[in-house]
Amino acid sequence: MKKELYIIHGWTYSIEPWTSVVSILRLKGVTVHQLRVPGLTNESDAVWDIGSQ
């Protein structure tokens, strides 16, 4: 069975704190995807709503 995990990192503006966790998960055979969400990964003044693409 293929194991996949999607990580939305939270309000830190960085995925760096997850580096060691991601490494361990990959060693265990988990495919990890770190989602880069506008406004969470990079600072943004844009207003996002349900109609934004």
PDB file of N, CA and C in Angstrom:
ATOM      1  N   MET A   1       0.838  -1.178   0.000  1.00  0.00           N
ATOM      2  CA  MET A   1       0.000   0.000   0.000  1.00  0.00           C
ATOM      3  C   MET A   1       0.887   1.246   0.000  1.00  0.00           C
ATOM      4  N   LYS A   2       0.621   2.156  -0.911  1.00  0.00           N
ATOM      5  CA  LYS A   2       1.384   3.395  -1.012  1.00  0.00           C
ATOM      6  C   LYS A   2       0.925   4.368   0.068  1.00  0.00           C
ATOM      7  N   LYS A   3       1.891   4.931   0.791  1.00  0.00           N
ATOM      8  CA  LYS A   3       1.580   5.891   1.851  1.00  0.00           C
ATOM      9  C   LYS A   3       1.946   7.288   1.375  1.00  0.00           C
ATOM     10  N   GLU A   4       0.996   8.204   1.454  1.00  0.00           N
ATOM     11  CA  GLU A   4       1.236   9.594   1.084  1.00  0.00           C
ATOM     12  C   GLU A   4       0.731  10.493   2.195  1.00  0.00           C
ATOM     13  N   LEU A   5       1.460  11.584   2.403  1.00  0.00           N
ATOM     14  CA  LEU A   5       1.080  12.550   3.417  1.00  0.00           C
ATOM     15  C   LEU A   5       1.213  13.944   2.828  1.00  0.00           C
ATOM     16  N   TYR A   6       0.194  14.765   3.039  1.00  0.00           N
ATOM     17  CA  TYR A   6       0.210  16.154   2.600  1.00  0.00           C
ATOM     18  C   TYR A   6       0.317  17.030   3.844  1.00  0.00           C
ATOM     19  N   ILE A   7       1.331  17.899   3.857  1.00  0.00           N
ATOM     20  CA  ILE A   7       1.552  18.763   5.012  1.00  0.00           C
ATOM     21  C   ILE A   7       1.251  20.205   4.623  1.00  0.00           C
ATOM     22  N   ILE A   8       0.351  20.826   5.370  1.00  0.00           N
ATOM     23  CA  ILE A   8       0.136  22.265   5.297  1.00  0.00           C
ATOM     24  C   ILE A   8       0.765  22.798   6.578  1.00  0.00           C
ATOM     25  N   HIS A   9       1.855  23.503   6.454  1.00  0.00           N
ATOM     26  CA  HIS A   9       2.745  23.767   7.573  1.00  0.00           C
ATOM     27  C   HIS A   9       2.245  24.742   8.619  1.00  0.00           C
ATOM     28  N   GLY A  10       1.263  25.545   8.350  1.00  0.00           N
ATOM     29  CA  GLY A  10       0.778  26.477   9.363  1.00  0.00           C
ATOM     30  C   GLY A  10       1.257  27.897   9.129  1.00  0.00           C
ATOM     31  N   TRP A  11       1.283  28.684  10.174  1.00  0.00           N
ATOM     32  CA  TRP A  11       1.479  30.134  10.055  1.00  0.00           C
ATOM     33  C   TRP A  11       2.927  30.578  10.199  1.00  0.00           C
ATOM     34  N   THR A  12       3.897  29.737   9.930  1.00  0.00           N
ATOM     35  CA  THR A  12       5.296  30.086  10.172  1.00  0.00           C
ATOM     36  C   THR A  12       5.976  30.762   8.992  1.00  0.00           C
ATOM     37  N   TYR A  13       5.346  30.841   7.844  1.00  0.00           N
ATOM     38  CA  TYR A  13       5.934  31.358   6.610  1.00  0.00           C
ATOM     39  C   TYR A  13       7.118  30.522   6.137  1.00  0.00           C
ATOM     40  N   SER A  14       7.254  29.314   6.620  1.00  0.00           N
ATOM     41  CA  SER A  14       8.401  28.497   6.244  1.00  0.00           C
ATOM     42  C   SER A  14       8.069  27.018   6.376  1.00  0.00           C
ATOM     43  N   ILE A  15       8.620  26.230   5.464  1.00  0.00           N
ATOM     44  CA  ILE A  15       8.488  24.775   5.578  1.00  0.00           C
ATOM     45  C   ILE A  15       9.718  24.173   6.252  1.00  0.00           C
ATOM     46  N   GLU A  16      10.700  25.011   6.548  1.00  0.00           N
ATOM     47  CA  GLU A  16      11.961  24.531   7.118  1.00  0.00           C
ATOM     48  C   GLU A  16      11.809  23.733   8.424  1.00  0.00           C
ATOM     49  N   PRO A  17      10.927  24.114   9.355  1.00  0.00           N
ATOM     50  CA  PRO A  17      10.812  23.333  10.592  1.00  0.00           C
ATOM     51  C   PRO A  17      10.408  21.873  10.349  1.00  0.00           C
ATOM     52  N   TRP A  18       9.866  21.586   9.187  1.00  0.00           N
ATOM     53  CA  TRP A  18       9.414  20.232   8.874  1.00  0.00           C
ATOM     54  C   TRP A  18      10.507  19.363   8.253  1.00  0.00           C
ATOM     55  N   THR A  19      11.678  19.920   7.970  1.00  0.00           N
ATOM     56  CA  THR A  19      12.722  19.213   7.237  1.00  0.00           C
ATOM     57  C   THR A  19      13.083  17.866   7.872  1.00  0.00           C
ATOM     58  N   SER A  20      13.340  17.848   9.165  1.00  0.00           N
ATOM     59  CA  SER A  20      13.748  16.591   9.813  1.00  0.00           C
ATOM     60  C   SER A  20      12.604  15.580   9.842  1.00  0.00           C
ATOM     61  N   VAL A  21      11.381  16.044  10.069  1.00  0.00           N
ATOM     62  CA  VAL A  21      10.219  15.143  10.086  1.00  0.00           C
ATOM     63  C   VAL A  21      10.016  14.525   8.709  1.00  0.00           C
ATOM     64  N   VAL A  22      10.108  15.350   7.670  1.00  0.00           N
ATOM     65  CA  VAL A  22       9.935  14.867   6.300  1.00  0.00           C
ATOM     66  C   VAL A  22      10.999  13.828   5.964  1.00  0.00           C
ATOM     67  N   SER A  23      12.237  14.067   6.369  1.00  0.00           N
ATOM     68  CA  SER A  23      13.321  13.111   6.117  1.00  0.00           C
ATOM     69  C   SER A  23      13.032  11.753   6.754  1.00  0.00           C
ATOM     70  N   ILE A  24      12.579  11.768   7.987  1.00  0.00           N
ATOM     71  CA  ILE A  24      12.257  10.523   8.692  1.00  0.00           C
ATOM     72  C   ILE A  24      11.107   9.801   8.004  1.00  0.00           C
ATOM     73  N   LEU A  25      10.066  10.537   7.643  1.00  0.00           N
ATOM     74  CA  LEU A  25       8.918   9.918   6.976  1.00  0.00           C
ATOM     75  C   LEU A  25       9.320   9.288   5.644  1.00  0.00           C
ATOM     76  N   ARG A  26      10.158   9.974   4.891  1.00  0.00           N
ATOM     77  CA  ARG A  26      10.612   9.431   3.598  1.00  0.00           C
ATOM     78  C   ARG A  26      11.431   8.164   3.790  1.00  0.00           C
ATOM     79  N   LEU A  27      12.261   8.124   4.835  1.00  0.00           N
ATOM     80  CA  LEU A  27      13.016   6.907   5.138  1.00  0.00           C
ATOM     81  C   LEU A  27      12.091   5.738   5.463  1.00  0.00           C
ATOM     82  N   LYS A  28      10.921   6.046   5.996  1.00  0.00           N
ATOM     83  CA  LYS A  28       9.919   5.025   6.346  1.00  0.00           C
ATOM     84  C   LYS A  28       9.040   4.645   5.158  1.00  0.00           C
ATOM     85  N   GLY A  29       9.313   5.251   3.980  1.00  0.00           N
ATOM     86  CA  GLY A  29       8.562   4.892   2.781  1.00  0.00           C
ATOM     87  C   GLY A  29       7.332   5.741   2.512  1.00  0.00           C
ATOM     88  N   VAL A  30       7.194   6.857   3.212  1.00  0.00           N
ATOM     89  CA  VAL A  30       6.046   7.733   3.023  1.00  0.00           C
ATOM     90  C   VAL A  30       6.401   8.797   1.982  1.00  0.00           C
ATOM     91  N   THR A  31       5.540   8.988   1.012  1.00  0.00           N
ATOM     92  CA  THR A  31       5.695  10.075   0.053  1.00  0.00           C
ATOM     93  C   THR A  31       5.094  11.316   0.689  1.00  0.00           C
ATOM     94  N   VAL A  32       5.913  12.347   0.840  1.00  0.00           N
ATOM     95  CA  VAL A  32       5.481  13.561   1.532  1.00  0.00           C
ATOM     96  C   VAL A  32       5.373  14.708   0.540  1.00  0.00           C
ATOM     97  N   HIS A  33       4.252  15.410   0.604  1.00  0.00           N
ATOM     98  CA  HIS A  33       4.027  16.599  -0.199  1.00  0.00           C
ATOM     99  C   HIS A  33       3.864  17.764   0.769  1.00  0.00           C
ATOM    100  N   GLN A  34       4.695  18.789   0.625  1.00  0.00           N
ATOM    101  CA  GLN A  34       4.564  19.976   1.466  1.00  0.00           C
ATOM    102  C   GLN A  34       3.894  21.055   0.626  1.00  0.00           C
ATOM    103  N   LEU A  35       2.673  21.376   0.990  1.00  0.00           N
ATOM    104  CA  LEU A  35       1.911  22.350   0.231  1.00  0.00           C
ATOM    105  C   LEU A  35       2.367  23.761   0.552  1.00  0.00           C
ATOM    106  N   ARG A  36       2.596  24.520  -0.492  1.00  0.00           N
ATOM    107  CA  ARG A  36       3.028  25.913  -0.342  1.00  0.00           C
ATOM    108  C   ARG A  36       1.807  26.796  -0.596  1.00  0.00           C
ATOM    109  N   VAL A  37       1.167  27.199   0.483  1.00  0.00           N
ATOM    110  CA  VAL A  37      -0.078  27.937   0.415  1.00  0.00           C
ATOM    111  C   VAL A  37       0.212  29.441   0.382  1.00  0.00           C
ATOM    112  N   PRO A  38      -0.335  30.169  -0.601  1.00  0.00           N
ATOM    113  CA  PRO A  38      -0.126  31.610  -0.642  1.00  0.00           C
ATOM    114  C   PRO A  38      -0.568  32.264   0.670  1.00  0.00           C
ATOM    115  N   GLY A  39       0.286  33.125   1.186  1.00  0.00           N
ATOM    116  CA  GLY A  39      -0.010  33.776   2.451  1.00  0.00           C
ATOM    117  C   GLY A  39       0.488  33.005   3.659  1.00  0.00           C
ATOM    118  N   LEU A  40       0.822  31.741   3.494  1.00  0.00           N
ATOM    119  CA  LEU A  40       1.387  30.945   4.588  1.00  0.00           C
ATOM    120  C   LEU A  40       2.866  30.676   4.362  1.00  0.00           C
ATOM    121  N   THR A  41       3.253  30.349   3.138  1.00  0.00           N
ATOM    122  CA  THR A  41       4.653  30.075   2.853  1.00  0.00           C
ATOM    123  C   THR A  41       5.414  31.372   2.615  1.00  0.00           C
ATOM    124  N   ASN A  42       4.821  32.285   1.899  1.00  0.00           N
ATOM    125  CA  ASN A  42       5.408  33.591   1.653  1.00  0.00           C
ATOM    126  C   ASN A  42       4.409  34.643   2.102  1.00  0.00           C
ATOM    127  N   GLU A  43       4.924  35.716   2.659  1.00  0.00           N
ATOM    128  CA  GLU A  43       4.024  36.781   3.076  1.00  0.00           C
ATOM    129  C   GLU A  43       3.264  37.323   1.873  1.00  0.00           C
ATOM    130  N   SER A  44       2.014  37.662   2.089  1.00  0.00           N
ATOM    131  CA  SER A  44       1.183  38.167   1.014  1.00  0.00           C
ATOM    132  C   SER A  44       0.155  39.142   1.565  1.00  0.00           C
ATOM    133  N   ASP A  45      -0.033  40.238   0.876  1.00  0.00           N
ATOM    134  CA  ASP A  45      -1.079  41.190   1.241  1.00  0.00           C
ATOM    135  C   ASP A  45      -2.365  40.934   0.480  1.00  0.00           C
ATOM    136  N   ALA A  46      -2.329  39.958  -0.440  1.00  0.00           N
ATOM    137  CA  ALA A  46      -3.504  39.664  -1.255  1.00  0.00           C
ATOM    138  C   ALA A  46      -4.609  39.067  -0.381  1.00  0.00           C
ATOM    139  N   VAL A  47      -5.837  39.401  -0.729  1.00  0.00           N
ATOM    140  CA  VAL A  47      -6.996  38.833  -0.053  1.00  0.00           C
ATOM    141  C   VAL A  47      -7.473  37.646  -0.879  1.00  0.00           C
ATOM    142  N   TRP A  48      -7.544  36.456  -0.257  1.00  0.00           N
ATOM    143  CA  TRP A  48      -7.971  35.243  -0.943  1.00  0.00           C
ATOM    144  C   TRP A  48      -9.362  34.875  -0.475  1.00  0.00           C
ATOM    145  N   ASP A  49     -10.227  34.528  -1.424  1.00  0.00           N
ATOM    146  CA  ASP A  49     -11.560  34.066  -1.058  1.00  0.00           C
ATOM    147  C   ASP A  49     -11.901  32.848  -1.904  1.00  0.00           C
ATOM    148  N   ILE A  50     -13.102  32.362  -1.763  1.00  0.00           N
ATOM    149  CA  ILE A  50     -13.501  31.118  -2.431  1.00  0.00           C
ATOM    150  C   ILE A  50     -13.420  31.230  -3.953  1.00  0.00           C
ATOM    151  N   GLY A  51     -13.514  32.436  -4.501  1.00  0.00           N
ATOM    152  CA  GLY A  51     -13.450  32.623  -5.947  1.00  0.00           C
ATOM    153  C   GLY A  51     -12.049  32.854  -6.475  1.00  0.00           C
ATOM    154  N   SER A  52     -11.056  32.985  -5.609  1.00  0.00           N
ATOM    155  CA  SER A  52      -9.685  33.228  -6.052  1.00  0.00           C
ATOM    156  C   SER A  52      -9.073  31.969  -6.649  1.00  0.00           C
ATOM    157  N   GLN A  53      -8.259  32.181  -7.683  1.00  0.00           N
ATOM    158  CA  GLN A  53      -7.607  31.019  -8.315  1.00  0.00           C
ATOM    159  C   GLN A  53      -6.124  31.210  -8.306  1.00  0.00           C
TER     160      GLN A  53
END
